[in-house]
Amino acid sequence: MDSRRTIVLVDDLRSFVDGRSAEVARTSTAGVQLLDRYRNRRLDELWLDHDLGGDDTIWPVVEVLERAAFDKRPFDVGVINVHSANPAGAAKIAQVLRHWGYRVHLASGSTDVGYLDAPVVS
């Protein structure tokens, strides 16, 4: 794997099982902040989970991507991988982002991401 690749993962629990270098956001708020940092930079891969714990979902992140494309300034993303275990949510994310011209891959069930950390106990 090329260490210069820029990868962002937005997922509340999972990480990359192969240990690849990535910036990780565990909430939608952190995901939006991370995207803001990449506003004028190339993202090779953006990995999105739908359900982010509690009432939090990926939709605030999707809305940032949508707004940017609507404003004719889409984010420069090589591919958006939607790896959610929520099939309806994953399909809706893909539909919305494809509508705005983003390259989207449905990666539900991908073995690239997994539960590496112990679950958080409240």
PDB file of N, CA and C in Angstrom:
ATOM      1  N   MET A   1       0.846  -1.186   0.000  1.00  0.00           N
ATOM      2  CA  MET A   1       0.000   0.000   0.000  1.00  0.00           C
ATOM      3  C   MET A   1       0.880   1.235   0.000  1.00  0.00           C
ATOM      4  N   ASP A   2       0.529   2.207  -0.810  1.00  0.00           N
ATOM      5  CA  ASP A   2       1.243   3.462  -0.916  1.00  0.00           C
ATOM      6  C   ASP A   2       0.950   4.300   0.323  1.00  0.00           C
ATOM      7  N   SER A   3       1.974   4.625   1.103  1.00  0.00           N
ATOM      8  CA  SER A   3       1.780   5.362   2.348  1.00  0.00           C
ATOM      9  C   SER A   3       1.341   6.800   2.090  1.00  0.00           C
ATOM     10  N   ARG A   4       1.440   7.271   0.863  1.00  0.00           N
ATOM     11  CA  ARG A   4       1.027   8.632   0.542  1.00  0.00           C
ATOM     12  C   ARG A   4      -0.466   8.721   0.240  1.00  0.00           C
ATOM     13  N   ARG A   5      -1.143   7.606   0.186  1.00  0.00           N
ATOM     14  CA  ARG A   5      -2.592   7.629  -0.071  1.00  0.00           C
ATOM     15  C   ARG A   5      -3.294   8.274   1.121  1.00  0.00           C
ATOM     16  N   THR A   6      -4.281   9.082   0.814  1.00  0.00           N
ATOM     17  CA  THR A   6      -5.035   9.762   1.853  1.00  0.00           C
ATOM     18  C   THR A   6      -6.369   9.048   2.015  1.00  0.00           C
ATOM     19  N   ILE A   7      -6.578   8.495   3.218  1.00  0.00           N
ATOM     20  CA  ILE A   7      -7.771   7.695   3.496  1.00  0.00           C
ATOM     21  C   ILE A   7      -8.427   8.229   4.770  1.00  0.00           C
ATOM     22  N   VAL A   8      -9.747   8.395   4.692  1.00  0.00           N
ATOM     23  CA  VAL A   8     -10.529   8.811   5.852  1.00  0.00           C
ATOM     24  C   VAL A   8     -11.598   7.754   6.100  1.00  0.00           C
ATOM     25  N   LEU A   9     -11.751   7.361   7.352  1.00  0.00           N
ATOM     26  CA  LEU A   9     -12.743   6.382   7.788  1.00  0.00           C
ATOM     27  C   LEU A   9     -13.664   7.050   8.795  1.00  0.00           C
ATOM     28  N   VAL A  10     -14.965   7.021   8.528  1.00  0.00           N
ATOM     29  CA  VAL A  10     -15.943   7.529   9.496  1.00  0.00           C
ATOM     30  C   VAL A  10     -16.764   6.325   9.957  1.00  0.00           C
ATOM     31  N   ASP A  11     -16.480   5.864  11.167  1.00  0.00           N
ATOM     32  CA  ASP A  11     -17.110   4.670  11.731  1.00  0.00           C
ATOM     33  C   ASP A  11     -16.961   4.745  13.244  1.00  0.00           C
ATOM     34  N   ASP A  12     -18.023   4.458  13.965  1.00  0.00           N
ATOM     35  CA  ASP A  12     -17.972   4.582  15.424  1.00  0.00           C
ATOM     36  C   ASP A  12     -17.173   3.477  16.105  1.00  0.00           C
ATOM     37  N   LEU A  13     -17.064   2.298  15.488  1.00  0.00           N
ATOM     38  CA  LEU A  13     -16.415   1.176  16.170  1.00  0.00           C
ATOM     39  C   LEU A  13     -15.314   0.488  15.374  1.00  0.00           C
ATOM     40  N   ARG A  14     -15.469   0.414  14.068  1.00  0.00           N
ATOM     41  CA  ARG A  14     -14.542  -0.384  13.262  1.00  0.00           C
ATOM     42  C   ARG A  14     -13.310   0.394  12.832  1.00  0.00           C
ATOM     43  N   SER A  15     -12.270  -0.386  12.515  1.00  0.00           N
ATOM     44  CA  SER A  15     -11.004   0.143  12.009  1.00  0.00           C
ATOM     45  C   SER A  15     -10.553  -0.747  10.859  1.00  0.00           C
ATOM     46  N   PHE A  16      -9.488  -0.348  10.181  1.00  0.00           N
ATOM     47  CA  PHE A  16      -8.957  -1.176   9.106  1.00  0.00           C
ATOM     48  C   PHE A  16      -8.196  -2.351   9.704  1.00  0.00           C
ATOM     49  N   VAL A  17      -8.547  -3.562   9.293  1.00  0.00           N
ATOM     50  CA  VAL A  17      -7.943  -4.759   9.871  1.00  0.00           C
ATOM     51  C   VAL A  17      -6.485  -4.928   9.450  1.00  0.00           C
ATOM     52  N   ASP A  18      -6.094  -4.345   8.315  1.00  0.00           N
ATOM     53  CA  ASP A  18      -4.702  -4.479   7.877  1.00  0.00           C
ATOM     54  C   ASP A  18      -3.812  -3.374   8.439  1.00  0.00           C
ATOM     55  N   GLY A  19      -4.377  -2.501   9.267  1.00  0.00           N
ATOM     56  CA  GLY A  19      -3.593  -1.457   9.920  1.00  0.00           C
ATOM     57  C   GLY A  19      -3.185  -0.317   9.005  1.00  0.00           C
ATOM     58  N   ARG A  20      -3.821  -0.203   7.842  1.00  0.00           N
ATOM     59  CA  ARG A  20      -3.448   0.873   6.906  1.00  0.00           C
ATOM     60  C   ARG A  20      -3.601   2.241   7.569  1.00  0.00           C
ATOM     61  N   SER A  21      -2.797   3.142   7.122  1.00  0.00           N
ATOM     62  CA  SER A  21      -2.811   4.497   7.646  1.00  0.00           C
ATOM     63  C   SER A  21      -4.072   5.220   7.190  1.00  0.00           C
ATOM     64  N   ALA A  22      -4.810   5.744   8.149  1.00  0.00           N
ATOM     65  CA  ALA A  22      -6.036   6.468   7.840  1.00  0.00           C
ATOM     66  C   ALA A  22      -6.338   7.425   8.979  1.00  0.00           C
ATOM     67  N   GLU A  23      -7.037   8.497   8.633  1.00  0.00           N
ATOM     68  CA  GLU A  23      -7.571   9.376   9.664  1.00  0.00           C
ATOM     69  C   GLU A  23      -8.963   8.848   9.971  1.00  0.00           C
ATOM     70  N   VAL A  24      -9.289   8.765  11.258  1.00  0.00           N
ATOM     71  CA  VAL A  24     -10.536   8.138  11.683  1.00  0.00           C
ATOM     72  C   VAL A  24     -11.380   9.137  12.460  1.00  0.00           C
ATOM     73  N   ALA A  25     -12.661   9.181  12.110  1.00  0.00           N
ATOM     74  CA  ALA A  25     -13.642   9.968  12.856  1.00  0.00           C
ATOM     75  C   ALA A  25     -14.661   8.992  13.412  1.00  0.00           C
ATOM     76  N   ARG A  26     -14.985   9.117  14.687  1.00  0.00           N
ATOM     77  CA  ARG A  26     -15.910   8.190  15.347  1.00  0.00           C
ATOM     78  C   ARG A  26     -17.331   8.738  15.467  1.00  0.00           C
ATOM     79  N   THR A  27     -17.543  10.010  15.117  1.00  0.00           N
ATOM     80  CA  THR A  27     -18.871  10.622  15.160  1.00  0.00           C
ATOM     81  C   THR A  27     -19.083  11.424  13.885  1.00  0.00           C
ATOM     82  N   SER A  28     -20.337  11.787  13.616  1.00  0.00           N
ATOM     83  CA  SER A  28     -20.601  12.615  12.435  1.00  0.00           C
ATOM     84  C   SER A  28     -19.971  13.996  12.591  1.00  0.00           C
ATOM     85  N   THR A  29     -19.978  14.534  13.795  1.00  0.00           N
ATOM     86  CA  THR A  29     -19.361  15.848  14.026  1.00  0.00           C
ATOM     87  C   THR A  29     -17.876  15.796  13.710  1.00  0.00           C
ATOM     88  N   ALA A  30     -17.196  14.767  14.179  1.00  0.00           N
ATOM     89  CA  ALA A  30     -15.767  14.611  13.884  1.00  0.00           C
ATOM     90  C   ALA A  30     -15.553  14.368  12.394  1.00  0.00           C
ATOM     91  N   GLY A  31     -16.484  13.658  11.743  1.00  0.00           N
ATOM     92  CA  GLY A  31     -16.395  13.416  10.309  1.00  0.00           C
ATOM     93  C   GLY A  31     -16.500  14.702   9.512  1.00  0.00           C
ATOM     94  N   VAL A  32     -17.426  15.572   9.895  1.00  0.00           N
ATOM     95  CA  VAL A  32     -17.580  16.868   9.226  1.00  0.00           C
ATOM     96  C   VAL A  32     -16.311  17.700   9.418  1.00  0.00           C
ATOM     97  N   GLN A  33     -15.769  17.713  10.628  1.00  0.00           N
ATOM     98  CA  GLN A  33     -14.540  18.467  10.894  1.00  0.00           C
ATOM     99  C   GLN A  33     -13.380  17.938  10.062  1.00  0.00           C
ATOM    100  N   LEU A  34     -13.293  16.627   9.946  1.00  0.00           N
ATOM    101  CA  LEU A  34     -12.227  16.015   9.152  1.00  0.00           C
ATOM    102  C   LEU A  34     -12.382  16.378   7.672  1.00  0.00           C
ATOM    103  N   LEU A  35     -13.603  16.309   7.163  1.00  0.00           N
ATOM    104  CA  LEU A  35     -13.841  16.708   5.776  1.00  0.00           C
ATOM    105  C   LEU A  35     -13.445  18.164   5.551  1.00  0.00           C
ATOM    106  N   ASP A  36     -13.763  19.022   6.502  1.00  0.00           N
ATOM    107  CA  ASP A  36     -13.396  20.437   6.380  1.00  0.00           C
ATOM    108  C   ASP A  36     -11.885  20.600   6.197  1.00  0.00           C
ATOM    109  N   ARG A  37     -11.116  19.767   6.864  1.00  0.00           N
ATOM    110  CA  ARG A  37      -9.654  19.822   6.734  1.00  0.00           C
ATOM    111  C   ARG A  37      -9.193  19.416   5.343  1.00  0.00           C
ATOM    112  N   TYR A  38     -10.015  18.617   4.652  1.00  0.00           N
ATOM    113  CA  TYR A  38      -9.665  18.153   3.305  1.00  0.00           C
ATOM    114  C   TYR A  38     -10.433  18.917   2.219  1.00  0.00           C
ATOM    115  N   ARG A  39     -10.974  20.056   2.552  1.00  0.00           N
ATOM    116  CA  ARG A  39     -11.802  20.804   1.607  1.00  0.00           C
ATOM    117  C   ARG A  39     -11.087  21.047   0.273  1.00  0.00           C
ATOM    118  N   ASN A  40      -9.826  21.391   0.304  1.00  0.00           N
ATOM    119  CA  ASN A  40      -9.090  21.706  -0.925  1.00  0.00           C
ATOM    120  C   ASN A  40      -7.950  20.729  -1.181  1.00  0.00           C
ATOM    121  N   ARG A  41      -8.101  19.518  -0.673  1.00  0.00           N
ATOM    122  CA  ARG A  41      -7.075  18.487  -0.862  1.00  0.00           C
ATOM    123  C   ARG A  41      -7.715  17.215  -1.377  1.00  0.00           C
ATOM    124  N   ARG A  42      -6.898  16.385  -1.995  1.00  0.00           N
ATOM    125  CA  ARG A  42      -7.363  15.110  -2.546  1.00  0.00           C
ATOM    126  C   ARG A  42      -7.536  14.077  -1.435  1.00  0.00           C
ATOM    127  N   LEU A  43      -8.672  13.385  -1.470  1.00  0.00           N
ATOM    128  CA  LEU A  43      -8.909  12.216  -0.628  1.00  0.00           C
ATOM    129  C   LEU A  43      -8.952  11.018  -1.571  1.00  0.00           C
ATOM    130  N   ASP A  44      -8.058  10.072  -1.389  1.00  0.00           N
ATOM    131  CA  ASP A  44      -8.071   8.894  -2.253  1.00  0.00           C
ATOM    132  C   ASP A  44      -9.261   8.005  -1.946  1.00  0.00           C
ATOM    133  N   GLU A  45      -9.538   7.803  -0.653  1.00  0.00           N
ATOM    134  CA  GLU A  45     -10.648   6.950  -0.238  1.00  0.00           C
ATOM    135  C   GLU A  45     -11.361   7.579   0.953  1.00  0.00           C
ATOM    136  N   LEU A  46     -12.683   7.539   0.905  1.00  0.00           N
ATOM    137  CA  LEU A  46     -13.512   7.953   2.028  1.00  0.00           C
ATOM    138  C   LEU A  46     -14.416   6.771   2.354  1.00  0.00           C
ATOM    139  N   TRP A  47     -14.309   6.249   3.564  1.00  0.00           N
ATOM    140  CA  TRP A  47     -15.097   5.095   4.009  1.00  0.00           C
ATOM    141  C   TRP A  47     -16.167   5.594   4.966  1.00  0.00           C
ATOM    142  N   LEU A  48     -17.429   5.248   4.670  1.00  0.00           N
ATOM    143  CA  LEU A  48     -18.551   5.734   5.466  1.00  0.00           C
ATOM    144  C   LEU A  48     -19.393   4.594   6.019  1.00  0.00           C
ATOM    145  N   ASP A  49     -19.668   4.671   7.316  1.00  0.00           N
ATOM    146  CA  ASP A  49     -20.615   3.782   7.981  1.00  0.00           C
ATOM    147  C   ASP A  49     -21.894   4.590   8.184  1.00  0.00           C
ATOM    148  N   HIS A  50     -23.050   3.960   8.152  1.00  0.00           N
ATOM    149  CA  HIS A  50     -24.315   4.690   8.309  1.00  0.00           C
ATOM    150  C   HIS A  50     -24.606   5.010   9.768  1.00  0.00           C
ATOM    151  N   ASP A  51     -24.661   3.990  10.611  1.00  0.00           N
ATOM    152  CA  ASP A  51     -25.035   4.162  12.011  1.00  0.00           C
ATOM    153  C   ASP A  51     -23.777   4.381  12.846  1.00  0.00           C
ATOM    154  N   LEU A  52     -23.760   5.519  13.575  1.00  0.00           N
ATOM    155  CA  LEU A  52     -22.552   5.892  14.313  1.00  0.00           C
ATOM    156  C   LEU A  52     -22.758   5.883  15.820  1.00  0.00           C
ATOM    157  N   GLY A  53     -23.681   5.089  16.283  1.00  0.00           N
ATOM    158  CA  GLY A  53     -23.905   4.957  17.721  1.00  0.00           C
ATOM    159  C   GLY A  53     -24.988   5.899  18.215  1.00  0.00           C
ATOM    160  N   GLY A  54     -25.850   5.390  19.053  1.00  0.00           N
ATOM    161  CA  GLY A  54     -26.957   6.202  19.569  1.00  0.00           C
ATOM    162  C   GLY A  54     -27.818   6.707  18.424  1.00  0.00           C
ATOM    163  N   ASP A  55     -28.123   7.986  18.450  1.00  0.00           N
ATOM    164  CA  ASP A  55     -28.933   8.604  17.389  1.00  0.00           C
ATOM    165  C   ASP A  55     -28.074   9.187  16.275  1.00  0.00           C
ATOM    166  N   ASP A  56     -26.760   9.061  16.377  1.00  0.00           N
ATOM    167  CA  ASP A  56     -25.859   9.652  15.390  1.00  0.00           C
ATOM    168  C   ASP A  56     -25.797   8.793  14.128  1.00  0.00           C
ATOM    169  N   THR A  57     -25.850   9.458  12.974  1.00  0.00           N
ATOM    170  CA  THR A  57     -25.715   8.776  11.685  1.00  0.00           C
ATOM    171  C   THR A  57     -24.731   9.556  10.818  1.00  0.00           C
ATOM    172  N   ILE A  58     -24.435   9.023   9.654  1.00  0.00           N
ATOM    173  CA  ILE A  58     -23.494   9.627   8.718  1.00  0.00           C
ATOM    174  C   ILE A  58     -24.092  10.811   7.965  1.00  0.00           C
ATOM    175  N   TRP A  59     -25.397  11.052   8.092  1.00  0.00           N
ATOM    176  CA  TRP A  59     -26.061  12.053   7.256  1.00  0.00           C
ATOM    177  C   TRP A  59     -25.476  13.458   7.319  1.00  0.00           C
ATOM    178  N   PRO A  60     -24.998  13.959   8.467  1.00  0.00           N
ATOM    179  CA  PRO A  60     -24.353  15.284   8.431  1.00  0.00           C
ATOM    180  C   PRO A  60     -23.122  15.314   7.504  1.00  0.00           C
ATOM    181  N   VAL A  61     -22.385  14.210   7.441  1.00  0.00           N
ATOM    182  CA  VAL A  61     -21.224  14.127   6.547  1.00  0.00           C
ATOM    183  C   VAL A  61     -21.699  14.101   5.089  1.00  0.00           C
ATOM    184  N   VAL A  62     -22.722  13.305   4.822  1.00  0.00           N
ATOM    185  CA  VAL A  62     -23.276  13.226   3.466  1.00  0.00           C
ATOM    186  C   VAL A  62     -23.783  14.602   3.030  1.00  0.00           C
ATOM    187  N   GLU A  63     -24.422  15.326   3.934  1.00  0.00           N
ATOM    188  CA  GLU A  63     -24.939  16.655   3.606  1.00  0.00           C
ATOM    189  C   GLU A  63     -23.827  17.628   3.241  1.00  0.00           C
ATOM    190  N   VAL A  64     -22.664  17.531   3.886  1.00  0.00           N
ATOM    191  CA  VAL A  64     -21.517  18.376   3.528  1.00  0.00           C
ATOM    192  C   VAL A  64     -21.060  18.060   2.105  1.00  0.00           C
ATOM    193  N   LEU A  65     -20.983  16.766   1.775  1.00  0.00           N
ATOM    194  CA  LEU A  65     -20.596  16.355   0.420  1.00  0.00           C
ATOM    195  C   LEU A  65     -21.624  16.829  -0.606  1.00  0.00           C
ATOM    196  N   GLU A  66     -22.902  16.688  -0.276  1.00  0.00           N
ATOM    197  CA  GLU A  66     -23.981  17.145  -1.162  1.00  0.00           C
ATOM    198  C   GLU A  66     -23.906  18.643  -1.402  1.00  0.00           C
ATOM    199  N   ARG A  67     -23.777  19.413  -0.343  1.00  0.00           N
ATOM    200  CA  ARG A  67     -23.746  20.876  -0.436  1.00  0.00           C
ATOM    201  C   ARG A  67     -22.577  21.325  -1.306  1.00  0.00           C
ATOM    202  N   ALA A  68     -21.433  20.696  -1.119  1.00  0.00           N
ATOM    203  CA  ALA A  68     -20.253  21.055  -1.913  1.00  0.00           C
ATOM    204  C   ALA A  68     -20.516  20.814  -3.398  1.00  0.00           C
ATOM    205  N   ALA A  69     -21.128  19.688  -3.727  1.00  0.00           N
ATOM    206  CA  ALA A  69     -21.430  19.377  -5.123  1.00  0.00           C
ATOM    207  C   ALA A  69     -22.503  20.323  -5.664  1.00  0.00           C
ATOM    208  N   PHE A  70     -23.523  20.616  -4.861  1.00  0.00           N
ATOM    209  CA  PHE A  70     -24.573  21.550  -5.256  1.00  0.00           C
ATOM    210  C   PHE A  70     -23.981  22.918  -5.587  1.00  0.00           C
ATOM    211  N   ASP A  71     -22.988  23.326  -4.795  1.00  0.00           N
ATOM    212  CA  ASP A  71     -22.306  24.618  -4.995  1.00  0.00           C
ATOM    213  C   ASP A  71     -21.256  24.558  -6.103  1.00  0.00           C
ATOM    214  N   LYS A  72     -21.219  23.445  -6.831  1.00  0.00           N
ATOM    215  CA  LYS A  72     -20.277  23.232  -7.945  1.00  0.00           C
ATOM    216  C   LYS A  72     -18.822  23.214  -7.479  1.00  0.00           C
ATOM    217  N   ARG A  73     -18.630  22.762  -6.230  1.00  0.00           N
ATOM    218  CA  ARG A  73     -17.293  22.608  -5.659  1.00  0.00           C
ATOM    219  C   ARG A  73     -17.189  21.263  -4.936  1.00  0.00           C
ATOM    220  N   PRO A  74     -17.466  20.149  -5.668  1.00  0.00           N
ATOM    221  CA  PRO A  74     -17.447  18.843  -4.987  1.00  0.00           C
ATOM    222  C   PRO A  74     -16.070  18.528  -4.414  1.00  0.00           C
ATOM    223  N   PHE A  75     -16.076  17.731  -3.385  1.00  0.00           N
ATOM    224  CA  PHE A  75     -14.819  17.265  -2.809  1.00  0.00           C
ATOM    225  C   PHE A  75     -14.111  16.386  -3.831  1.00  0.00           C
ATOM    226  N   ASP A  76     -12.791  16.434  -3.827  1.00  0.00           N
ATOM    227  CA  ASP A  76     -11.972  15.600  -4.713  1.00  0.00           C
ATOM    228  C   ASP A  76     -11.720  14.273  -4.010  1.00  0.00           C
ATOM    229  N   VAL A  77     -12.618  13.301  -4.258  1.00  0.00           N
ATOM    230  CA  VAL A  77     -12.535  11.988  -3.622  1.00  0.00           C
ATOM    231  C   VAL A  77     -12.421  10.938  -4.717  1.00  0.00           C
ATOM    232  N   GLY A  78     -11.396  10.085  -4.624  1.00  0.00           N
ATOM    233  CA  GLY A  78     -11.240   9.012  -5.600  1.00  0.00           C
ATOM    234  C   GLY A  78     -12.417   8.061  -5.573  1.00  0.00           C
ATOM    235  N   VAL A  79     -12.732   7.547  -4.404  1.00  0.00           N
ATOM    236  CA  VAL A  79     -13.877   6.644  -4.249  1.00  0.00           C
ATOM    237  C   VAL A  79     -14.415   6.759  -2.825  1.00  0.00           C
ATOM    238  N   ILE A  80     -15.737   6.707  -2.735  1.00  0.00           N
ATOM    239  CA  ILE A  80     -16.400   6.659  -1.440  1.00  0.00           C
ATOM    240  C   ILE A  80     -16.889   5.232  -1.250  1.00  0.00           C
ATOM    241  N   ASN A  81     -16.387   4.566  -0.227  1.00  0.00           N
ATOM    242  CA  ASN A  81     -16.777   3.194   0.099  1.00  0.00           C
ATOM    243  C   ASN A  81     -17.794   3.241   1.234  1.00  0.00           C
ATOM    244  N   VAL A  82     -18.990   2.766   0.970  1.00  0.00           N
ATOM    245  CA  VAL A  82     -20.026   2.717   1.997  1.00  0.00           C
ATOM    246  C   VAL A  82     -20.038   1.294   2.542  1.00  0.00           C
ATOM    247  N   HIS A  83     -19.547   1.148   3.769  1.00  0.00           N
ATOM    248  CA  HIS A  83     -19.356  -0.190   4.336  1.00  0.00           C
ATOM    249  C   HIS A  83     -20.361  -0.519   5.444  1.00  0.00           C
ATOM    250  N   SER A  84     -21.458   0.164   5.481  1.00  0.00           N
ATOM    251  CA  SER A  84     -22.449   0.003   6.533  1.00  0.00           C
ATOM    252  C   SER A  84     -23.099  -1.373   6.514  1.00  0.00           C
ATOM    253  N   ALA A  85     -23.421  -1.873   7.712  1.00  0.00           N
ATOM    254  CA  ALA A  85     -24.178  -3.115   7.839  1.00  0.00           C
ATOM    255  C   ALA A  85     -25.684  -2.847   7.739  1.00  0.00           C
ATOM    256  N   ASN A  86     -26.051  -1.603   7.541  1.00  0.00           N
ATOM    257  CA  ASN A  86     -27.448  -1.195   7.384  1.00  0.00           C
ATOM    258  C   ASN A  86     -27.726  -1.098   5.880  1.00  0.00           C
ATOM    259  N   PRO A  87     -28.306  -2.149   5.264  1.00  0.00           N
ATOM    260  CA  PRO A  87     -28.463  -2.162   3.804  1.00  0.00           C
ATOM    261  C   PRO A  87     -29.284  -1.004   3.254  1.00  0.00           C
ATOM    262  N   ALA A  88     -30.386  -0.662   3.914  1.00  0.00           N
ATOM    263  CA  ALA A  88     -31.220   0.438   3.427  1.00  0.00           C
ATOM    264  C   ALA A  88     -30.476   1.761   3.530  1.00  0.00           C
ATOM    265  N   GLY A  89     -29.788   1.955   4.642  1.00  0.00           N
ATOM    266  CA  GLY A  89     -29.010   3.181   4.825  1.00  0.00           C
ATOM    267  C   GLY A  89     -27.880   3.285   3.822  1.00  0.00           C
ATOM    268  N   ALA A  90     -27.181   2.171   3.588  1.00  0.00           N
ATOM    269  CA  ALA A  90     -26.068   2.157   2.626  1.00  0.00           C
ATOM    270  C   ALA A  90     -26.561   2.479   1.222  1.00  0.00           C
ATOM    271  N   ALA A  91     -27.688   1.890   0.836  1.00  0.00           N
ATOM    272  CA  ALA A  91     -28.233   2.131  -0.502  1.00  0.00           C
ATOM    273  C   ALA A  91     -28.627   3.598  -0.685  1.00  0.00           C
ATOM    274  N   LYS A  92     -29.219   4.193   0.347  1.00  0.00           N
ATOM    275  CA  LYS A  92     -29.639   5.594   0.271  1.00  0.00           C
ATOM    276  C   LYS A  92     -28.412   6.513   0.164  1.00  0.00           C
ATOM    277  N   ILE A  93     -27.364   6.238   0.952  1.00  0.00           N
ATOM    278  CA  ILE A  93     -26.131   7.031   0.871  1.00  0.00           C
ATOM    279  C   ILE A  93     -25.577   6.965  -0.545  1.00  0.00           C
ATOM    280  N   ALA A  94     -25.485   5.766  -1.085  1.00  0.00           N
ATOM    281  CA  ALA A  94     -24.939   5.583  -2.431  1.00  0.00           C
ATOM    282  C   ALA A  94     -25.785   6.332  -3.460  1.00  0.00           C
ATOM    283  N   GLN A  95     -27.101   6.222  -3.355  1.00  0.00           N
ATOM    284  CA  GLN A  95     -27.991   6.894  -4.301  1.00  0.00           C
ATOM    285  C   GLN A  95     -27.778   8.407  -4.278  1.00  0.00           C
ATOM    286  N   VAL A  96     -27.741   8.968  -3.090  1.00  0.00           N
ATOM    287  CA  VAL A  96     -27.591  10.418  -2.947  1.00  0.00           C
ATOM    288  C   VAL A  96     -26.244  10.882  -3.492  1.00  0.00           C
ATOM    289  N   LEU A  97     -25.174  10.212  -3.099  1.00  0.00           N
ATOM    290  CA  LEU A  97     -23.843  10.663  -3.512  1.00  0.00           C
ATOM    291  C   LEU A  97     -23.589  10.438  -5.000  1.00  0.00           C
ATOM    292  N   ARG A  98     -24.119   9.357  -5.545  1.00  0.00           N
ATOM    293  CA  ARG A  98     -23.984   9.133  -6.994  1.00  0.00           C
ATOM    294  C   ARG A  98     -24.728  10.217  -7.775  1.00  0.00           C
ATOM    295  N   HIS A  99     -25.869  10.624  -7.252  1.00  0.00           N
ATOM    296  CA  HIS A  99     -26.638  11.693  -7.893  1.00  0.00           C
ATOM    297  C   HIS A  99     -25.783  12.946  -8.064  1.00  0.00           C
ATOM    298  N   TRP A 100     -24.897  13.202  -7.108  1.00  0.00           N
ATOM    299  CA  TRP A 100     -24.045  14.388  -7.146  1.00  0.00           C
ATOM    300  C   TRP A 100     -22.715  14.138  -7.831  1.00  0.00           C
ATOM    301  N   GLY A 101     -22.569  12.973  -8.458  1.00  0.00           N
ATOM    302  CA  GLY A 101     -21.384  12.720  -9.271  1.00  0.00           C
ATOM    303  C   GLY A 101     -20.211  12.064  -8.569  1.00  0.00           C
ATOM    304  N   TYR A 102     -20.394  11.698  -7.315  1.00  0.00           N
ATOM    305  CA  TYR A 102     -19.313  11.018  -6.604  1.00  0.00           C
ATOM    306  C   TYR A 102     -19.251   9.555  -7.040  1.00  0.00           C
ATOM    307  N   ARG A 103     -18.052   9.015  -7.076  1.00  0.00           N
ATOM    308  CA  ARG A 103     -17.852   7.591  -7.363  1.00  0.00           C
ATOM    309  C   ARG A 103     -18.049   6.832  -6.053  1.00  0.00           C
ATOM    310  N   VAL A 104     -19.061   5.975  -6.016  1.00  0.00           N
ATOM    311  CA  VAL A 104     -19.429   5.283  -4.780  1.00  0.00           C
ATOM    312  C   VAL A 104     -19.382   3.784  -4.997  1.00  0.00           C
ATOM    313  N   HIS A 105     -18.806   3.087  -4.028  1.00  0.00           N
ATOM    314  CA  HIS A 105     -18.750   1.624  -4.036  1.00  0.00           C
ATOM    315  C   HIS A 105     -19.455   1.120  -2.786  1.00  0.00           C
ATOM    316  N   LEU A 106     -20.464   0.278  -2.962  1.00  0.00           N
ATOM    317  CA  LEU A 106     -21.104  -0.350  -1.804  1.00  0.00           C
ATOM    318  C   LEU A 106     -20.199  -1.475  -1.316  1.00  0.00           C
ATOM    319  N   ALA A 107     -19.676  -1.314  -0.114  1.00  0.00           N
ATOM    320  CA  ALA A 107     -18.700  -2.254   0.432  1.00  0.00           C
ATOM    321  C   ALA A 107     -19.222  -2.915   1.702  1.00  0.00           C
ATOM    322  N   SER A 108     -20.547  -3.041   1.817  1.00  0.00           N
ATOM    323  CA  SER A 108     -21.128  -3.705   2.991  1.00  0.00           C
ATOM    324  C   SER A 108     -20.553  -5.114   3.090  1.00  0.00           C
ATOM    325  N   GLY A 109     -20.169  -5.496   4.278  1.00  0.00           N
ATOM    326  CA  GLY A 109     -19.576  -6.814   4.478  1.00  0.00           C
ATOM    327  C   GLY A 109     -18.096  -6.864   4.117  1.00  0.00           C
ATOM    328  N   SER A 110     -17.495  -5.704   3.830  1.00  0.00           N
ATOM    329  CA  SER A 110     -16.078  -5.669   3.470  1.00  0.00           C
ATOM    330  C   SER A 110     -15.217  -6.215   4.605  1.00  0.00           C
ATOM    331  N   THR A 111     -14.249  -7.035   4.243  1.00  0.00           N
ATOM    332  CA  THR A 111     -13.315  -7.556   5.243  1.00  0.00           C
ATOM    333  C   THR A 111     -12.188  -6.566   5.512  1.00  0.00           C
ATOM    334  N   ASP A 112     -12.202  -5.416   4.845  1.00  0.00           N
ATOM    335  CA  ASP A 112     -11.189  -4.389   5.102  1.00  0.00           C
ATOM    336  C   ASP A 112     -11.366  -3.738   6.463  1.00  0.00           C
ATOM    337  N   VAL A 113     -12.611  -3.682   6.946  1.00  0.00           N
ATOM    338  CA  VAL A 113     -12.889  -3.061   8.238  1.00  0.00           C
ATOM    339  C   VAL A 113     -13.437  -4.101   9.200  1.00  0.00           C
ATOM    340  N   GLY A 114     -13.069  -3.936  10.459  1.00  0.00           N
ATOM    341  CA  GLY A 114     -13.530  -4.879  11.466  1.00  0.00           C
ATOM    342  C   GLY A 114     -13.469  -4.277  12.852  1.00  0.00           C
ATOM    343  N   TYR A 115     -14.019  -5.000  13.817  1.00  0.00           N
ATOM    344  CA  TYR A 115     -14.065  -4.560  15.206  1.00  0.00           C
ATOM    345  C   TYR A 115     -12.767  -4.958  15.883  1.00  0.00           C
ATOM    346  N   LEU A 116     -11.796  -4.050  15.865  1.00  0.00           N
ATOM    347  CA  LEU A 116     -10.485  -4.350  16.444  1.00  0.00           C
ATOM    348  C   LEU A 116     -10.405  -3.956  17.908  1.00  0.00           C
ATOM    349  N   ASP A 117     -11.120  -2.912  18.256  1.00  0.00           N
ATOM    350  CA  ASP A 117     -11.064  -2.388  19.632  1.00  0.00           C
ATOM    351  C   ASP A 117     -12.154  -3.030  20.469  1.00  0.00           C
ATOM    352  N   ALA A 118     -11.905  -3.105  21.757  1.00  0.00           N
ATOM    353  CA  ALA A 118     -12.935  -3.601  22.655  1.00  0.00           C
ATOM    354  C   ALA A 118     -14.104  -2.629  22.640  1.00  0.00           C
ATOM    355  N   PRO A 119     -15.325  -3.108  22.739  1.00  0.00           N
ATOM    356  CA  PRO A 119     -16.487  -2.217  22.748  1.00  0.00           C
ATOM    357  C   PRO A 119     -16.412  -1.233  23.915  1.00  0.00           C
ATOM    358  N   VAL A 120     -16.920  -0.046  23.694  1.00  0.00           N
ATOM    359  CA  VAL A 120     -16.964   0.972  24.723  1.00  0.00           C
ATOM    360  C   VAL A 120     -18.115   0.628  25.664  1.00  0.00           C
ATOM    361  N   VAL A 121     -17.832   0.637  26.976  1.00  0.00           N
ATOM    362  CA  VAL A 121     -18.855   0.337  27.974  1.00  0.00           C
ATOM    363  C   VAL A 121     -19.300   1.652  28.591  1.00  0.00           C
ATOM    364  N   SER A 122     -20.608   1.878  28.611  1.00  0.00           N
ATOM    365  CA  SER A 122     -21.145   3.132  29.171  1.00  0.00           C
ATOM    366  C   SER A 122     -21.340   2.996  30.656  1.00  0.00           C
TER     367      SER A 122
END
